[in-house]
Amino acid sequence: MAELVAAGAPELPDGWFYRVAYDRVGLKVKIRERRTFGSRSHAYAWVYEEDHDDALSAIVDACRRVHARMTDELERREKAQAAGQFIGDHDPRRSRVQQTRT
């Protein structure tokens, strides 16, 4: 990963890494998180070699795109969790929120 970061790919948190691998259709970059057993994939982006002069710049571009996609998804989840604190009935005549059951 150090070579990719040195070439311009975004740095990942500890325990996270880029995996570059061939898929049935073409080359793909995944962001994965190490687990106790194996790893978990969080996002991926296809590598578009034809849009770049060399392989490294094509892979770094895919790293940037997958990182942006993962960051957007994590922000969306955080906003959804923050909004979740307001689940329930908000009765203006009572001082507390009544939780609804679904």
PDB file of N, CA and C in Angstrom:
ATOM      1  N   MET A   1       0.826  -1.188   0.000  1.00  0.00           N
ATOM      2  CA  MET A   1       0.000   0.000   0.000  1.00  0.00           C
ATOM      3  C   MET A   1       0.867   1.249   0.000  1.00  0.00           C
ATOM      4  N   ALA A   2       2.052   1.193   0.578  1.00  0.00           N
ATOM      5  CA  ALA A   2       2.913   2.365   0.640  1.00  0.00           C
ATOM      6  C   ALA A   2       3.240   2.887  -0.755  1.00  0.00           C
ATOM      7  N   GLU A   3       3.434   1.990  -1.716  1.00  0.00           N
ATOM      8  CA  GLU A   3       3.736   2.408  -3.081  1.00  0.00           C
ATOM      9  C   GLU A   3       2.551   3.150  -3.698  1.00  0.00           C
ATOM     10  N   LEU A   4       1.339   2.673  -3.438  1.00  0.00           N
ATOM     11  CA  LEU A   4       0.149   3.336  -3.964  1.00  0.00           C
ATOM     12  C   LEU A   4      -0.049   4.709  -3.323  1.00  0.00           C
ATOM     13  N   VAL A   5       0.153   4.797  -2.015  1.00  0.00           N
ATOM     14  CA  VAL A   5       0.003   6.070  -1.310  1.00  0.00           C
ATOM     15  C   VAL A   5       1.066   7.059  -1.791  1.00  0.00           C
ATOM     16  N   ALA A   6       2.286   6.588  -1.979  1.00  0.00           N
ATOM     17  CA  ALA A   6       3.351   7.459  -2.485  1.00  0.00           C
ATOM     18  C   ALA A   6       3.024   7.979  -3.886  1.00  0.00           C
ATOM     19  N   ALA A   7       2.278   7.196  -4.656  1.00  0.00           N
ATOM     20  CA  ALA A   7       1.901   7.591  -6.010  1.00  0.00           C
ATOM     21  C   ALA A   7       0.650   8.464  -6.044  1.00  0.00           C
ATOM     22  N   GLY A   8       0.003   8.677  -4.884  1.00  0.00           N
ATOM     23  CA  GLY A   8      -1.144   9.576  -4.826  1.00  0.00           C
ATOM     24  C   GLY A   8      -2.443   8.976  -4.348  1.00  0.00           C
ATOM     25  N   ALA A   9      -2.466   7.705  -4.005  1.00  0.00           N
ATOM     26  CA  ALA A   9      -3.693   7.090  -3.482  1.00  0.00           C
ATOM     27  C   ALA A   9      -3.941   7.578  -2.052  1.00  0.00           C
ATOM     28  N   PRO A  10      -5.199   7.748  -1.660  1.00  0.00           N
ATOM     29  CA  PRO A  10      -5.496   8.168  -0.284  1.00  0.00           C
ATOM     30  C   PRO A  10      -5.027   7.119   0.727  1.00  0.00           C
ATOM     31  N   GLU A  11      -4.534   7.597   1.852  1.00  0.00           N
ATOM     32  CA  GLU A  11      -4.104   6.698   2.919  1.00  0.00           C
ATOM     33  C   GLU A  11      -5.337   6.157   3.630  1.00  0.00           C
ATOM     34  N   LEU A  12      -5.244   4.913   4.067  1.00  0.00           N
ATOM     35  CA  LEU A  12      -6.360   4.257   4.760  1.00  0.00           C
ATOM     36  C   LEU A  12      -6.043   4.116   6.240  1.00  0.00           C
ATOM     37  N   PRO A  13      -7.074   3.972   7.078  1.00  0.00           N
ATOM     38  CA  PRO A  13      -6.843   3.761   8.510  1.00  0.00           C
ATOM     39  C   PRO A  13      -6.117   2.440   8.766  1.00  0.00           C
ATOM     40  N   ASP A  14      -5.527   2.326   9.938  1.00  0.00           N
ATOM     41  CA  ASP A  14      -4.863   1.075  10.322  1.00  0.00           C
ATOM     42  C   ASP A  14      -5.831  -0.087  10.215  1.00  0.00           C
ATOM     43  N   GLY A  15      -5.356  -1.179   9.682  1.00  0.00           N
ATOM     44  CA  GLY A  15      -6.174  -2.368   9.536  1.00  0.00           C
ATOM     45  C   GLY A  15      -6.966  -2.410   8.241  1.00  0.00           C
ATOM     46  N   TRP A  16      -6.915  -1.367   7.453  1.00  0.00           N
ATOM     47  CA  TRP A  16      -7.610  -1.307   6.163  1.00  0.00           C
ATOM     48  C   TRP A  16      -6.554  -1.360   5.071  1.00  0.00           C
ATOM     49  N   PHE A  17      -6.910  -1.894   3.897  1.00  0.00           N
ATOM     50  CA  PHE A  17      -5.925  -2.001   2.821  1.00  0.00           C
ATOM     51  C   PHE A  17      -6.616  -2.044   1.467  1.00  0.00           C
ATOM     52  N   TYR A  18      -5.828  -1.748   0.431  1.00  0.00           N
ATOM     53  CA  TYR A  18      -6.305  -1.864  -0.944  1.00  0.00           C
ATOM     54  C   TYR A  18      -5.982  -3.266  -1.440  1.00  0.00           C
ATOM     55  N   ARG A  19      -6.906  -3.853  -2.162  1.00  0.00           N
ATOM     56  CA  ARG A  19      -6.643  -5.125  -2.836  1.00  0.00           C
ATOM     57  C   ARG A  19      -6.898  -4.893  -4.327  1.00  0.00           C
ATOM     58  N   VAL A  20      -5.870  -5.147  -5.134  1.00  0.00           N
ATOM     59  CA  VAL A  20      -5.984  -5.045  -6.584  1.00  0.00           C
ATOM     60  C   VAL A  20      -6.051  -6.467  -7.111  1.00  0.00           C
ATOM     61  N   ALA A  21      -7.117  -6.782  -7.839  1.00  0.00           N
ATOM     62  CA  ALA A  21      -7.298  -8.161  -8.307  1.00  0.00           C
ATOM     63  C   ALA A  21      -8.084  -8.179  -9.610  1.00  0.00           C
ATOM     64  N   TYR A  22      -7.858  -9.228 -10.371  1.00  0.00           N
ATOM     65  CA  TYR A  22      -8.653  -9.428 -11.579  1.00  0.00           C
ATOM     66  C   TYR A  22     -10.002 -10.017 -11.202  1.00  0.00           C
ATOM     67  N   ASP A  23     -11.024  -9.514 -11.847  1.00  0.00           N
ATOM     68  CA  ASP A  23     -12.364 -10.059 -11.743  1.00  0.00           C
ATOM     69  C   ASP A  23     -12.684 -10.648 -13.110  1.00  0.00           C
ATOM     70  N   ARG A  24     -13.832 -11.222 -13.277  1.00  0.00           N
ATOM     71  CA  ARG A  24     -14.198 -11.795 -14.580  1.00  0.00           C
ATOM     72  C   ARG A  24     -14.180 -10.759 -15.696  1.00  0.00           C
ATOM     73  N   VAL A  25     -14.521  -9.532 -15.365  1.00  0.00           N
ATOM     74  CA  VAL A  25     -14.652  -8.481 -16.367  1.00  0.00           C
ATOM     75  C   VAL A  25     -13.358  -7.697 -16.565  1.00  0.00           C
ATOM     76  N   GLY A  26     -12.589  -7.505 -15.512  1.00  0.00           N
ATOM     77  CA  GLY A  26     -11.360  -6.728 -15.602  1.00  0.00           C
ATOM     78  C   GLY A  26     -10.712  -6.537 -14.249  1.00  0.00           C
ATOM     79  N   LEU A  27      -9.842  -5.554 -14.181  1.00  0.00           N
ATOM     80  CA  LEU A  27      -9.086  -5.271 -12.964  1.00  0.00           C
ATOM     81  C   LEU A  27      -9.934  -4.395 -12.034  1.00  0.00           C
ATOM     82  N   LYS A  28      -9.865  -4.689 -10.742  1.00  0.00           N
ATOM     83  CA  LYS A  28     -10.704  -4.020  -9.741  1.00  0.00           C
ATOM     84  C   LYS A  28      -9.844  -3.685  -8.522  1.00  0.00           C
ATOM     85  N   VAL A  29     -10.118  -2.528  -7.901  1.00  0.00           N
ATOM     86  CA  VAL A  29      -9.478  -2.147  -6.637  1.00  0.00           C
ATOM     87  C   VAL A  29     -10.549  -2.181  -5.560  1.00  0.00           C
ATOM     88  N   LYS A  30     -10.258  -2.885  -4.480  1.00  0.00           N
ATOM     89  CA  LYS A  30     -11.190  -2.978  -3.350  1.00  0.00           C
ATOM     90  C   LYS A  30     -10.547  -2.363  -2.112  1.00  0.00           C
ATOM     91  N   ILE A  31     -11.362  -1.781  -1.253  1.00  0.00           N
ATOM     92  CA  ILE A  31     -10.914  -1.390   0.084  1.00  0.00           C
ATOM     93  C   ILE A  31     -11.449  -2.450   1.026  1.00  0.00           C
ATOM     94  N   ARG A  32     -10.518  -3.048   1.774  1.00  0.00           N
ATOM     95  CA  ARG A  32     -10.883  -4.133   2.681  1.00  0.00           C
ATOM     96  C   ARG A  32     -10.403  -3.814   4.092  1.00  0.00           C
ATOM     97  N   GLU A  33     -11.078  -4.411   5.058  1.00  0.00           N
ATOM     98  CA  GLU A  33     -10.746  -4.246   6.471  1.00  0.00           C
ATOM     99  C   GLU A  33     -10.348  -5.601   7.034  1.00  0.00           C
ATOM    100  N   ARG A  34      -9.197  -5.629   7.702  1.00  0.00           N
ATOM    101  CA  ARG A  34      -8.752  -6.881   8.321  1.00  0.00           C
ATOM    102  C   ARG A  34      -9.696  -7.247   9.465  1.00  0.00           C
ATOM    103  N   ARG A  35      -9.989  -8.531   9.552  1.00  0.00           N
ATOM    104  CA  ARG A  35     -10.827  -9.068  10.624  1.00  0.00           C
ATOM    105  C   ARG A  35     -10.011 -10.115  11.361  1.00  0.00           C
ATOM    106  N   THR A  36     -10.562 -10.673  12.410  1.00  0.00           N
ATOM    107  CA  THR A  36      -9.870 -11.730  13.135  1.00  0.00           C
ATOM    108  C   THR A  36      -9.557 -12.893  12.202  1.00  0.00           C
ATOM    109  N   PHE A  37     -10.536 -13.235  11.366  1.00  0.00           N
ATOM    110  CA  PHE A  37     -10.349 -14.277  10.366  1.00  0.00           C
ATOM    111  C   PHE A  37     -10.619 -13.670   8.995  1.00  0.00           C
ATOM    112  N   GLY A  38      -9.593 -13.447   8.220  1.00  0.00           N
ATOM    113  CA  GLY A  38      -9.761 -12.912   6.873  1.00  0.00           C
ATOM    114  C   GLY A  38      -9.960 -11.411   6.857  1.00  0.00           C
ATOM    115  N   SER A  39     -10.740 -10.946   5.891  1.00  0.00           N
ATOM    116  CA  SER A  39     -11.002  -9.518   5.748  1.00  0.00           C
ATOM    117  C   SER A  39     -12.390  -9.310   5.164  1.00  0.00           C
ATOM    118  N   ARG A  40     -12.854  -8.066   5.273  1.00  0.00           N
ATOM    119  CA  ARG A  40     -14.193  -7.703   4.801  1.00  0.00           C
ATOM    120  C   ARG A  40     -14.068  -6.604   3.755  1.00  0.00           C
ATOM    121  N   SER A  41     -14.759  -6.746   2.644  1.00  0.00           N
ATOM    122  CA  SER A  41     -14.743  -5.752   1.583  1.00  0.00           C
ATOM    123  C   SER A  41     -15.747  -4.649   1.896  1.00  0.00           C
ATOM    124  N   HIS A  42     -15.329  -3.390   1.710  1.00  0.00           N
ATOM    125  CA  HIS A  42     -16.222  -2.258   1.954  1.00  0.00           C
ATOM    126  C   HIS A  42     -16.679  -1.583   0.671  1.00  0.00           C
ATOM    127  N   ALA A  43     -15.811  -1.502  -0.324  1.00  0.00           N
ATOM    128  CA  ALA A  43     -16.171  -0.841  -1.577  1.00  0.00           C
ATOM    129  C   ALA A  43     -15.177  -1.268  -2.647  1.00  0.00           C
ATOM    130  N   TYR A  44     -15.558  -1.032  -3.908  1.00  0.00           N
ATOM    131  CA  TYR A  44     -14.644  -1.343  -5.006  1.00  0.00           C
ATOM    132  C   TYR A  44     -14.840  -0.372  -6.150  1.00  0.00           C
ATOM    133  N   ALA A  45     -13.836  -0.310  -7.009  1.00  0.00           N
ATOM    134  CA  ALA A  45     -13.920   0.492  -8.233  1.00  0.00           C
ATOM    135  C   ALA A  45     -13.156  -0.243  -9.321  1.00  0.00           C
ATOM    136  N   TRP A  46     -13.661  -0.143 -10.541  1.00  0.00           N
ATOM    137  CA  TRP A  46     -12.990  -0.754 -11.679  1.00  0.00           C
ATOM    138  C   TRP A  46     -11.796   0.102 -12.100  1.00  0.00           C
ATOM    139  N   VAL A  47     -10.769  -0.550 -12.615  1.00  0.00           N
ATOM    140  CA  VAL A  47      -9.589   0.135 -13.132  1.00  0.00           C
ATOM    141  C   VAL A  47      -9.787   0.339 -14.628  1.00  0.00           C
ATOM    142  N   TYR A  48      -9.635   1.582 -15.082  1.00  0.00           N
ATOM    143  CA  TYR A  48      -9.796   1.907 -16.504  1.00  0.00           C
ATOM    144  C   TYR A  48      -8.419   2.200 -17.091  1.00  0.00           C
ATOM    145  N   GLU A  49      -7.720   1.144 -17.504  1.00  0.00           N
ATOM    146  CA  GLU A  49      -6.364   1.282 -18.025  1.00  0.00           C
ATOM    147  C   GLU A  49      -6.305   2.163 -19.269  1.00  0.00           C
ATOM    148  N   GLU A  50      -7.349   2.110 -20.087  1.00  0.00           N
ATOM    149  CA  GLU A  50      -7.348   2.844 -21.354  1.00  0.00           C
ATOM    150  C   GLU A  50      -7.357   4.364 -21.166  1.00  0.00           C
ATOM    151  N   ASP A  51      -7.736   4.845 -19.985  1.00  0.00           N
ATOM    152  CA  ASP A  51      -7.798   6.285 -19.715  1.00  0.00           C
ATOM    153  C   ASP A  51      -6.482   6.844 -19.192  1.00  0.00           C
ATOM    154  N   HIS A  52      -5.458   5.992 -19.031  1.00  0.00           N
ATOM    155  CA  HIS A  52      -4.200   6.420 -18.401  1.00  0.00           C
ATOM    156  C   HIS A  52      -3.000   5.953 -19.211  1.00  0.00           C
ATOM    157  N   ASP A  53      -1.879   6.661 -19.006  1.00  0.00           N
ATOM    158  CA  ASP A  53      -0.650   6.337 -19.733  1.00  0.00           C
ATOM    159  C   ASP A  53       0.056   5.104 -19.192  1.00  0.00           C
ATOM    160  N   ASP A  54      -0.115   4.850 -17.891  1.00  0.00           N
ATOM    161  CA  ASP A  54       0.546   3.674 -17.309  1.00  0.00           C
ATOM    162  C   ASP A  54      -0.366   2.995 -16.288  1.00  0.00           C
ATOM    163  N   ALA A  55       0.018   1.799 -15.909  1.00  0.00           N
ATOM    164  CA  ALA A  55      -0.811   0.992 -15.004  1.00  0.00           C
ATOM    165  C   ALA A  55      -0.926   1.618 -13.623  1.00  0.00           C
ATOM    166  N   LEU A  56       0.172   2.163 -13.103  1.00  0.00           N
ATOM    167  CA  LEU A  56       0.146   2.725 -11.757  1.00  0.00           C
ATOM    168  C   LEU A  56      -0.838   3.887 -11.662  1.00  0.00           C
ATOM    169  N   SER A  57      -0.832   4.782 -12.629  1.00  0.00           N
ATOM    170  CA  SER A  57      -1.764   5.917 -12.561  1.00  0.00           C
ATOM    171  C   SER A  57      -3.210   5.449 -12.695  1.00  0.00           C
ATOM    172  N   ALA A  58      -3.467   4.399 -13.453  1.00  0.00           N
ATOM    173  CA  ALA A  58      -4.820   3.850 -13.572  1.00  0.00           C
ATOM    174  C   ALA A  58      -5.282   3.261 -12.247  1.00  0.00           C
ATOM    175  N   ILE A  59      -4.397   2.560 -11.567  1.00  0.00           N
ATOM    176  CA  ILE A  59      -4.744   1.951 -10.277  1.00  0.00           C
ATOM    177  C   ILE A  59      -4.930   3.024  -9.214  1.00  0.00           C
ATOM    178  N   VAL A  60      -4.060   4.045  -9.203  1.00  0.00           N
ATOM    179  CA  VAL A  60      -4.203   5.135  -8.228  1.00  0.00           C
ATOM    180  C   VAL A  60      -5.520   5.867  -8.446  1.00  0.00           C
ATOM    181  N   ASP A  61      -5.914   6.074  -9.705  1.00  0.00           N
ATOM    182  CA  ASP A  61      -7.203   6.694  -9.997  1.00  0.00           C
ATOM    183  C   ASP A  61      -8.347   5.859  -9.412  1.00  0.00           C
ATOM    184  N   ALA A  62      -8.284   4.554  -9.582  1.00  0.00           N
ATOM    185  CA  ALA A  62      -9.314   3.672  -9.011  1.00  0.00           C
ATOM    186  C   ALA A  62      -9.295   3.737  -7.483  1.00  0.00           C
ATOM    187  N   CYS A  63      -8.112   3.834  -6.881  1.00  0.00           N
ATOM    188  CA  CYS A  63      -8.013   3.968  -5.421  1.00  0.00           C
ATOM    189  C   CYS A  63      -8.704   5.248  -4.956  1.00  0.00           C
ATOM    190  N   ARG A  64      -8.498   6.334  -5.679  1.00  0.00           N
ATOM    191  CA  ARG A  64      -9.144   7.602  -5.319  1.00  0.00           C
ATOM    192  C   ARG A  64     -10.661   7.499  -5.432  1.00  0.00           C
ATOM    193  N   ARG A  65     -11.131   6.878  -6.502  1.00  0.00           N
ATOM    194  CA  ARG A  65     -12.580   6.749  -6.697  1.00  0.00           C
ATOM    195  C   ARG A  65     -13.221   5.855  -5.651  1.00  0.00           C
ATOM    196  N   VAL A  66     -12.586   4.726  -5.339  1.00  0.00           N
ATOM    197  CA  VAL A  66     -13.166   3.823  -4.344  1.00  0.00           C
ATOM    198  C   VAL A  66     -13.125   4.459  -2.957  1.00  0.00           C
ATOM    199  N   HIS A  67     -12.077   5.229  -2.668  1.00  0.00           N
ATOM    200  CA  HIS A  67     -11.982   5.916  -1.380  1.00  0.00           C
ATOM    201  C   HIS A  67     -13.092   6.958  -1.258  1.00  0.00           C
ATOM    202  N   ALA A  68     -13.344   7.714  -2.334  1.00  0.00           N
ATOM    203  CA  ALA A  68     -14.418   8.711  -2.318  1.00  0.00           C
ATOM    204  C   ALA A  68     -15.775   8.035  -2.131  1.00  0.00           C
ATOM    205  N   ARG A  69     -15.982   6.909  -2.811  1.00  0.00           N
ATOM    206  CA  ARG A  69     -17.249   6.175  -2.685  1.00  0.00           C
ATOM    207  C   ARG A  69     -17.443   5.673  -1.254  1.00  0.00           C
ATOM    208  N   MET A  70     -16.386   5.126  -0.664  1.00  0.00           N
ATOM    209  CA  MET A  70     -16.483   4.609   0.698  1.00  0.00           C
ATOM    210  C   MET A  70     -16.719   5.751   1.686  1.00  0.00           C
ATOM    211  N   THR A  71     -16.039   6.874   1.502  1.00  0.00           N
ATOM    212  CA  THR A  71     -16.211   8.024   2.386  1.00  0.00           C
ATOM    213  C   THR A  71     -17.642   8.544   2.320  1.00  0.00           C
ATOM    214  N   ASP A  72     -18.189   8.650   1.113  1.00  0.00           N
ATOM    215  CA  ASP A  72     -19.581   9.089   0.958  1.00  0.00           C
ATOM    216  C   ASP A  72     -20.546   8.141   1.662  1.00  0.00           C
ATOM    217  N   GLU A  73     -20.310   6.847   1.528  1.00  0.00           N
ATOM    218  CA  GLU A  73     -21.188   5.858   2.155  1.00  0.00           C
ATOM    219  C   GLU A  73     -21.103   5.937   3.683  1.00  0.00           C
ATOM    220  N   LEU A  74     -19.897   6.102   4.229  1.00  0.00           N
ATOM    221  CA  LEU A  74     -19.747   6.215   5.681  1.00  0.00           C
ATOM    222  C   LEU A  74     -20.431   7.478   6.207  1.00  0.00           C
ATOM    223  N   GLU A  75     -20.331   8.584   5.471  1.00  0.00           N
ATOM    224  CA  GLU A  75     -21.012   9.812   5.880  1.00  0.00           C
ATOM    225  C   GLU A  75     -22.524   9.630   5.860  1.00  0.00           C
ATOM    226  N   ARG A  76     -23.032   8.944   4.826  1.00  0.00           N
ATOM    227  CA  ARG A  76     -24.468   8.684   4.734  1.00  0.00           C
ATOM    228  C   ARG A  76     -24.938   7.853   5.925  1.00  0.00           C
ATOM    229  N   ARG A  77     -24.156   6.838   6.292  1.00  0.00           N
ATOM    230  CA  ARG A  77     -24.527   5.999   7.437  1.00  0.00           C
ATOM    231  C   ARG A  77     -24.528   6.798   8.734  1.00  0.00           C
ATOM    232  N   GLU A  78     -23.517   7.670   8.917  1.00  0.00           N
ATOM    233  CA  GLU A  78     -23.463   8.487  10.130  1.00  0.00           C
ATOM    234  C   GLU A  78     -24.672   9.414  10.230  1.00  0.00           C
ATOM    235  N   LYS A  79     -25.073  10.003   9.109  1.00  0.00           N
ATOM    236  CA  LYS A  79     -26.245  10.880   9.111  1.00  0.00           C
ATOM    237  C   LYS A  79     -27.509  10.098   9.437  1.00  0.00           C
ATOM    238  N   ALA A  80     -27.620   8.891   8.896  1.00  0.00           N
ATOM    239  CA  ALA A  80     -28.791   8.051   9.176  1.00  0.00           C
ATOM    240  C   ALA A  80     -28.826   7.670  10.649  1.00  0.00           C
ATOM    241  N   GLN A  81     -27.673   7.365  11.231  1.00  0.00           N
ATOM    242  CA  GLN A  81     -27.635   7.020  12.658  1.00  0.00           C
ATOM    243  C   GLN A  81     -28.001   8.229  13.510  1.00  0.00           C
ATOM    244  N   ALA A  82     -27.515   9.412  13.132  1.00  0.00           N
ATOM    245  CA  ALA A  82     -27.839  10.623  13.883  1.00  0.00           C
ATOM    246  C   ALA A  82     -29.332  10.914  13.805  1.00  0.00           C
ATOM    247  N   ALA A  83     -29.928  10.720  12.643  1.00  0.00           N
ATOM    248  CA  ALA A  83     -31.367  10.944  12.493  1.00  0.00           C
ATOM    249  C   ALA A  83     -32.160   9.904  13.280  1.00  0.00           C
ATOM    250  N   GLY A  84     -31.593   8.730  13.480  1.00  0.00           N
ATOM    251  CA  GLY A  84     -32.274   7.662  14.198  1.00  0.00           C
ATOM    252  C   GLY A  84     -32.595   7.993  15.638  1.00  0.00           C
ATOM    253  N   GLN A  85     -31.884   8.944  16.219  1.00  0.00           N
ATOM    254  CA  GLN A  85     -32.172   9.315  17.612  1.00  0.00           C
ATOM    255  C   GLN A  85     -33.529   9.996  17.758  1.00  0.00           C
ATOM    256  N   PHE A  86     -34.102  10.423  16.644  1.00  0.00           N
ATOM    257  CA  PHE A  86     -35.391  11.107  16.692  1.00  0.00           C
ATOM    258  C   PHE A  86     -36.564  10.185  16.389  1.00  0.00           C
ATOM    259  N   ILE A  87     -36.309   8.897  16.281  1.00  0.00           N
ATOM    260  CA  ILE A  87     -37.389   7.949  16.024  1.00  0.00           C
ATOM    261  C   ILE A  87     -38.319   7.926  17.237  1.00  0.00           C
ATOM    262  N   GLY A  88     -39.578   8.039  16.984  1.00  0.00           N
ATOM    263  CA  GLY A  88     -40.558   8.025  18.067  1.00  0.00           C
ATOM    264  C   GLY A  88     -41.587   9.119  17.876  1.00  0.00           C
ATOM    265  N   ASP A  89     -42.557   9.168  18.770  1.00  0.00           N
ATOM    266  CA  ASP A  89     -43.602  10.190  18.724  1.00  0.00           C
ATOM    267  C   ASP A  89     -43.127  11.410  19.497  1.00  0.00           C
ATOM    268  N   HIS A  90     -43.260  12.554  18.909  1.00  0.00           N
ATOM    269  CA  HIS A  90     -42.861  13.810  19.548  1.00  0.00           C
ATOM    270  C   HIS A  90     -44.127  14.606  19.846  1.00  0.00           C
ATOM    271  N   ASP A  91     -44.664  14.409  21.033  1.00  0.00           N
ATOM    272  CA  ASP A  91     -45.905  15.058  21.451  1.00  0.00           C
ATOM    273  C   ASP A  91     -45.556  16.380  22.134  1.00  0.00           C
ATOM    274  N   PRO A  92     -46.020  17.495  21.602  1.00  0.00           N
ATOM    275  CA  PRO A  92     -45.676  18.793  22.197  1.00  0.00           C
ATOM    276  C   PRO A  92     -46.257  18.987  23.597  1.00  0.00           C
ATOM    277  N   ARG A  93     -47.262  18.209  23.970  1.00  0.00           N
ATOM    278  CA  ARG A  93     -47.876  18.356  25.294  1.00  0.00           C
ATOM    279  C   ARG A  93     -47.166  17.535  26.361  1.00  0.00           C
ATOM    280  N   ARG A  94     -46.270  16.687  25.958  1.00  0.00           N
ATOM    281  CA  ARG A  94     -45.523  15.878  26.928  1.00  0.00           C
ATOM    282  C   ARG A  94     -44.052  16.242  26.847  1.00  0.00           C
ATOM    283  N   SER A  95     -43.379  16.099  27.956  1.00  0.00           N
ATOM    284  CA  SER A  95     -41.977  16.509  27.993  1.00  0.00           C
ATOM    285  C   SER A  95     -41.020  15.440  27.472  1.00  0.00           C
ATOM    286  N   ARG A  96     -41.479  14.232  27.301  1.00  0.00           N
ATOM    287  CA  ARG A  96     -40.562  13.172  26.853  1.00  0.00           C
ATOM    288  C   ARG A  96     -41.059  12.572  25.543  1.00  0.00           C
ATOM    289  N   VAL A  97     -40.146  11.954  24.867  1.00  0.00           N
ATOM    290  CA  VAL A  97     -40.459  11.315  23.597  1.00  0.00           C
ATOM    291  C   VAL A  97     -40.946   9.897  23.863  1.00  0.00           C
ATOM    292  N   GLN A  98     -42.030   9.521  23.222  1.00  0.00           N
ATOM    293  CA  GLN A  98     -42.527   8.158  23.349  1.00  0.00           C
ATOM    294  C   GLN A  98     -42.011   7.344  22.166  1.00  0.00           C
ATOM    295  N   GLN A  99     -41.354   6.260  22.465  1.00  0.00           N
ATOM    296  CA  GLN A  99     -40.821   5.416  21.397  1.00  0.00           C
ATOM    297  C   GLN A  99     -41.960   4.618  20.783  1.00  0.00           C
ATOM    298  N   THR A 100     -41.933   4.504  19.463  1.00  0.00           N
ATOM    299  CA  THR A 100     -42.944   3.707  18.779  1.00  0.00           C
ATOM    300  C   THR A 100     -42.379   2.322  18.520  1.00  0.00           C
ATOM    301  N   ARG A 101     -43.251   1.367  18.477  1.00  0.00           N
ATOM    302  CA  ARG A 101     -42.835  -0.011  18.171  1.00  0.00           C
ATOM    303  C   ARG A 101     -43.215  -0.318  16.750  1.00  0.00           C
ATOM    304  N   THR A 102     -42.315  -0.944  16.064  1.00  0.00           N
ATOM    305  CA  THR A 102     -42.594  -1.299  14.667  1.00  0.00           C
ATOM    306  C   THR A 102     -42.804  -2.768  14.517  1.00  0.00           C
TER     307      THR A 102
END
